[in-house]
């Protein structure tokens, strides 16, 4: 019976670790690509404003 309890707890811990790793990877990606994405978004906004005129 004890092994089953540990198994469930271990699954939860692994899930939390996975969520934390995904969050850290997402933050790293935003930090790495943030400027590029920002420049492209601003460029797109300027093009849309130009088309409205």
PDB file of N, CA and C in Angstrom:
ATOM      1  N   UNK A   1       0.823  -1.200   0.000  1.00  0.00           N
ATOM      2  CA  UNK A   1       0.000   0.000   0.000  1.00  0.00           C
ATOM      3  C   UNK A   1       0.859   1.252   0.000  1.00  0.00           C
ATOM      4  N   UNK A   2       1.977   1.246   0.683  1.00  0.00           N
ATOM      5  CA  UNK A   2       2.836   2.426   0.734  1.00  0.00           C
ATOM      6  C   UNK A   2       3.411   2.784  -0.635  1.00  0.00           C
ATOM      7  N   UNK A   3       3.737   1.790  -1.403  1.00  0.00           N
ATOM      8  CA  UNK A   3       4.341   2.038  -2.717  1.00  0.00           C
ATOM      9  C   UNK A   3       3.379   2.818  -3.608  1.00  0.00           C
ATOM     10  N   UNK A   4       2.099   2.482  -3.560  1.00  0.00           N
ATOM     11  CA  UNK A   4       1.117   3.190  -4.366  1.00  0.00           C
ATOM     12  C   UNK A   4       1.035   4.665  -3.959  1.00  0.00           C
ATOM     13  N   UNK A   5       1.065   4.941  -2.678  1.00  0.00           N
ATOM     14  CA  UNK A   5       0.997   6.322  -2.196  1.00  0.00           C
ATOM     15  C   UNK A   5       2.211   7.110  -2.690  1.00  0.00           C
ATOM     16  N   UNK A   6       3.372   6.522  -2.599  1.00  0.00           N
ATOM     17  CA  UNK A   6       4.579   7.188  -3.080  1.00  0.00           C
ATOM     18  C   UNK A   6       4.501   7.424  -4.578  1.00  0.00           C
ATOM     19  N   UNK A   7       3.973   6.451  -5.288  1.00  0.00           N
ATOM     20  CA  UNK A   7       3.862   6.573  -6.741  1.00  0.00           C
ATOM     21  C   UNK A   7       3.004   7.758  -7.153  1.00  0.00           C
ATOM     22  N   UNK A   8       1.905   7.953  -6.467  1.00  0.00           N
ATOM     23  CA  UNK A   8       1.033   9.094  -6.776  1.00  0.00           C
ATOM     24  C   UNK A   8       1.731  10.412  -6.458  1.00  0.00           C
ATOM     25  N   UNK A   9       2.396  10.467  -5.326  1.00  0.00           N
ATOM     26  CA  UNK A   9       3.111  11.679  -4.941  1.00  0.00           C
ATOM     27  C   UNK A   9       4.255  11.980  -5.889  1.00  0.00           C
ATOM     28  N   UNK A  10       4.919  10.933  -6.319  1.00  0.00           N
ATOM     29  CA  UNK A  10       6.026  11.106  -7.255  1.00  0.00           C
ATOM     30  C   UNK A  10       5.506  11.670  -8.571  1.00  0.00           C
ATOM     31  N   UNK A  11       4.355  11.222  -9.031  1.00  0.00           N
ATOM     32  CA  UNK A  11       3.769  11.725 -10.271  1.00  0.00           C
ATOM     33  C   UNK A  11       3.472  13.212 -10.180  1.00  0.00           C
ATOM     34  N   UNK A  12       2.961  13.642  -9.036  1.00  0.00           N
ATOM     35  CA  UNK A  12       2.657  15.058  -8.833  1.00  0.00           C
ATOM     36  C   UNK A  12       3.929  15.896  -8.845  1.00  0.00           C
ATOM     37  N   UNK A  13       4.965  15.394  -8.193  1.00  0.00           N
ATOM     38  CA  UNK A  13       6.240  16.112  -8.160  1.00  0.00           C
ATOM     39  C   UNK A  13       6.810  16.226  -9.566  1.00  0.00           C
ATOM     40  N   UNK A  14       6.754  15.142 -10.329  1.00  0.00           N
ATOM     41  CA  UNK A  14       7.257  15.178 -11.698  1.00  0.00           C
ATOM     42  C   UNK A  14       6.469  16.178 -12.537  1.00  0.00           C
ATOM     43  N   UNK A  15       5.160  16.238 -12.337  1.00  0.00           N
ATOM     44  CA  UNK A  15       4.323  17.180 -13.059  1.00  0.00           C
ATOM     45  C   UNK A  15       4.709  18.619 -12.718  1.00  0.00           C
ATOM     46  N   UNK A  16       4.915  18.909 -11.450  1.00  0.00           N
ATOM     47  CA  UNK A  16       5.303  20.258 -11.029  1.00  0.00           C
ATOM     48  C   UNK A  16       6.664  20.624 -11.615  1.00  0.00           C
ATOM     49  N   UNK A  17       7.604  19.686 -11.574  1.00  0.00           N
ATOM     50  CA  UNK A  17       8.928  19.943 -12.145  1.00  0.00           C
ATOM     51  C   UNK A  17       8.804  20.229 -13.636  1.00  0.00           C
ATOM     52  N   UNK A  18       7.987  19.469 -14.337  1.00  0.00           N
ATOM     53  CA  UNK A  18       7.785  19.685 -15.769  1.00  0.00           C
ATOM     54  C   UNK A  18       7.180  21.056 -16.042  1.00  0.00           C
ATOM     55  N   UNK A  19       6.191  21.452 -15.265  1.00  0.00           N
ATOM     56  CA  UNK A  19       5.562  22.770 -15.435  1.00  0.00           C
ATOM     57  C   UNK A  19       6.585  23.886 -15.207  1.00  0.00           C
ATOM     58  N   UNK A  20       7.414  23.744 -14.192  1.00  0.00           N
ATOM     59  CA  UNK A  20       8.443  24.747 -13.906  1.00  0.00           C
ATOM     60  C   UNK A  20       9.448  24.820 -15.054  1.00  0.00           C
ATOM     61  N   UNK A  21       9.859  23.682 -15.580  1.00  0.00           N
ATOM     62  CA  UNK A  21      10.805  23.679 -16.701  1.00  0.00           C
ATOM     63  C   UNK A  21      10.214  24.337 -17.948  1.00  0.00           C
ATOM     64  N   UNK A  22       8.948  24.078 -18.224  1.00  0.00           N
ATOM     65  CA  UNK A  22       8.285  24.711 -19.369  1.00  0.00           C
ATOM     66  C   UNK A  22       8.198  26.215 -19.157  1.00  0.00           C
ATOM     67  N   UNK A  23       7.886  26.640 -17.942  1.00  0.00           N
ATOM     68  CA  UNK A  23       7.804  28.072 -17.642  1.00  0.00           C
ATOM     69  C   UNK A  23       9.166  28.740 -17.818  1.00  0.00           C
ATOM     70  N   UNK A  24      10.222  28.102 -17.327  1.00  0.00           N
ATOM     71  CA  UNK A  24      11.565  28.670 -17.485  1.00  0.00           C
ATOM     72  C   UNK A  24      11.981  28.725 -18.948  1.00  0.00           C
ATOM     73  N   UNK A  25      11.656  27.692 -19.705  1.00  0.00           N
ATOM     74  CA  UNK A  25      11.972  27.695 -21.131  1.00  0.00           C
ATOM     75  C   UNK A  25      11.211  28.805 -21.852  1.00  0.00           C
ATOM     76  N   UNK A  26       9.965  29.024 -21.467  1.00  0.00           N
ATOM     77  CA  UNK A  26       9.173  30.100 -22.079  1.00  0.00           C
ATOM     78  C   UNK A  26       9.764  31.465 -21.762  1.00  0.00           C
ATOM     79  N   UNK A  27      10.158  31.670 -20.529  1.00  0.00           N
ATOM     80  CA  UNK A  27      10.774  32.941 -20.156  1.00  0.00           C
ATOM     81  C   UNK A  27      12.087  33.161 -20.907  1.00  0.00           C
ATOM     82  N   UNK A  28      12.874  32.117 -21.046  1.00  0.00           N
ATOM     83  CA  UNK A  28      14.133  32.232 -21.778  1.00  0.00           C
ATOM     84  C   UNK A  28      13.879  32.562 -23.241  1.00  0.00           C
ATOM     85  N   UNK A  29      12.868  31.949 -23.843  1.00  0.00           N
ATOM     86  CA  UNK A  29      12.547  32.220 -25.240  1.00  0.00           C
ATOM     87  C   UNK A  29      12.091  33.661 -25.427  1.00  0.00           C
ATOM     88  N   UNK A  30      11.257  34.150 -24.522  1.00  0.00           N
ATOM     89  CA  UNK A  30      10.792  35.534 -24.615  1.00  0.00           C
ATOM     90  C   UNK A  30      11.961  36.493 -24.455  1.00  0.00           C
ATOM     91  N   UNK A  31      12.850  36.204 -23.523  1.00  0.00           N
ATOM     92  CA  UNK A  31      14.015  37.067 -23.322  1.00  0.00           C
ATOM     93  C   UNK A  31      14.922  37.047 -24.552  1.00  0.00           C
ATOM     94  N   UNK A  32      15.090  35.879 -25.152  1.00  0.00           N
ATOM     95  CA  UNK A  32      15.986  35.744 -26.297  1.00  0.00           C
ATOM     96  C   UNK A  32      15.386  36.362 -27.556  1.00  0.00           C
ATOM     97  N   UNK A  33      14.098  36.111 -27.815  1.00  0.00           N
ATOM     98  CA  UNK A  33      13.460  36.577 -29.044  1.00  0.00           C
ATOM     99  C   UNK A  33      12.627  37.836 -28.851  1.00  0.00           C
ATOM    100  N   UNK A  34      12.571  38.372 -27.661  1.00  0.00           N
ATOM    101  CA  UNK A  34      11.696  39.504 -27.359  1.00  0.00           C
ATOM    102  C   UNK A  34      11.907  40.714 -28.241  1.00  0.00           C
ATOM    103  N   UNK A  35      13.139  41.131 -28.412  1.00  0.00           N
ATOM    104  CA  UNK A  35      13.422  42.318 -29.228  1.00  0.00           C
ATOM    105  C   UNK A  35      13.024  42.104 -30.684  1.00  0.00           C
ATOM    106  N   UNK A  36      13.313  40.944 -31.208  1.00  0.00           N
ATOM    107  CA  UNK A  36      12.972  40.644 -32.600  1.00  0.00           C
ATOM    108  C   UNK A  36      11.464  40.685 -32.797  1.00  0.00           C
ATOM    109  N   UNK A  37      10.744  40.059 -31.891  1.00  0.00           N
ATOM    110  CA  UNK A  37       9.281  40.042 -31.987  1.00  0.00           C
ATOM    111  C   UNK A  37       8.728  41.454 -31.847  1.00  0.00           C
ATOM    112  N   UNK A  38       9.296  42.229 -30.935  1.00  0.00           N
ATOM    113  CA  UNK A  38       8.835  43.606 -30.726  1.00  0.00           C
ATOM    114  C   UNK A  38       9.036  44.434 -31.992  1.00  0.00           C
ATOM    115  N   UNK A  39      10.210  44.316 -32.616  1.00  0.00           N
ATOM    116  CA  UNK A  39      10.472  45.076 -33.847  1.00  0.00           C
ATOM    117  C   UNK A  39       9.522  44.673 -34.966  1.00  0.00           C
ATOM    118  N   UNK A  40       9.263  43.393 -35.098  1.00  0.00           N
ATOM    119  CA  UNK A  40       8.348  42.934 -36.146  1.00  0.00           C
ATOM    120  C   UNK A  40       6.923  43.421 -35.874  1.00  0.00           C
ATOM    121  N   UNK A  41       6.512  43.417 -34.615  1.00  0.00           N
ATOM    122  CA  UNK A  41       5.170  43.878 -34.266  1.00  0.00           C
ATOM    123  C   UNK A  41       5.026  45.360 -34.547  1.00  0.00           C
ATOM    124  N   UNK A  42       6.030  46.145 -34.208  1.00  0.00           N
ATOM    125  CA  UNK A  42       5.986  47.586 -34.477  1.00  0.00           C
ATOM    126  C   UNK A  42       5.974  47.825 -35.976  1.00  0.00           C
ATOM    127  N   UNK A  43       6.776  47.085 -36.718  1.00  0.00           N
ATOM    128  CA  UNK A  43       6.796  47.215 -38.175  1.00  0.00           C
ATOM    129  C   UNK A  43       5.447  46.886 -38.785  1.00  0.00           C
ATOM    130  N   UNK A  44       4.787  45.861 -38.272  1.00  0.00           N
ATOM    131  CA  UNK A  44       3.462  45.482 -38.765  1.00  0.00           C
ATOM    132  C   UNK A  44       2.449  46.568 -38.449  1.00  0.00           C
ATOM    133  N   UNK A  45       2.560  47.160 -37.279  1.00  0.00           N
ATOM    134  CA  UNK A  45       1.637  48.217 -36.879  1.00  0.00           C
ATOM    135  C   UNK A  45       1.789  49.421 -37.797  1.00  0.00           C
ATOM    136  N   UNK A  46       3.001  49.776 -38.149  1.00  0.00           N
ATOM    137  CA  UNK A  46       3.244  50.904 -39.042  1.00  0.00           C
ATOM    138  C   UNK A  46       2.649  50.613 -40.412  1.00  0.00           C
ATOM    139  N   UNK A  47       2.807  49.381 -40.907  1.00  0.00           N
ATOM    140  CA  UNK A  47       2.245  49.020 -42.201  1.00  0.00           C
ATOM    141  C   UNK A  47       0.727  49.098 -42.194  1.00  0.00           C
ATOM    142  N   UNK A  48       0.097  48.650 -41.110  1.00  0.00           N
ATOM    143  CA  UNK A  48      -1.349  48.698 -41.011  1.00  0.00           C
ATOM    144  C   UNK A  48      -1.828  50.144 -40.968  1.00  0.00           C
ATOM    145  N   UNK A  49      -1.151  50.992 -40.214  1.00  0.00           N
ATOM    146  CA  UNK A  49      -1.523  52.407 -40.155  1.00  0.00           C
ATOM    147  C   UNK A  49      -1.362  53.050 -41.528  1.00  0.00           C
ATOM    148  N   UNK A  50      -0.331  52.700 -42.258  1.00  0.00           N
ATOM    149  CA  UNK A  50      -0.103  53.259 -43.585  1.00  0.00           C
ATOM    150  C   UNK A  50      -1.234  52.839 -44.533  1.00  0.00           C
ATOM    151  N   UNK A  51      -1.704  51.599 -44.406  1.00  0.00           N
ATOM    152  CA  UNK A  51      -2.759  51.107 -45.279  1.00  0.00           C
ATOM    153  C   UNK A  51      -4.097  51.777 -44.981  1.00  0.00           C
ATOM    154  N   UNK A  52      -4.296  52.219 -43.744  1.00  0.00           N
ATOM    155  CA  UNK A  52      -5.551  52.868 -43.373  1.00  0.00           C
ATOM    156  C   UNK A  52      -5.682  54.257 -43.983  1.00  0.00           C
ATOM    157  N   UNK A  53      -4.609  54.873 -44.338  1.00  0.00           N
ATOM    158  CA  UNK A  53      -4.659  56.250 -44.856  1.00  0.00           C
ATOM    159  C   UNK A  53      -5.048  56.317 -46.275  1.00  0.00           C
TER     160      UNK A  53
END
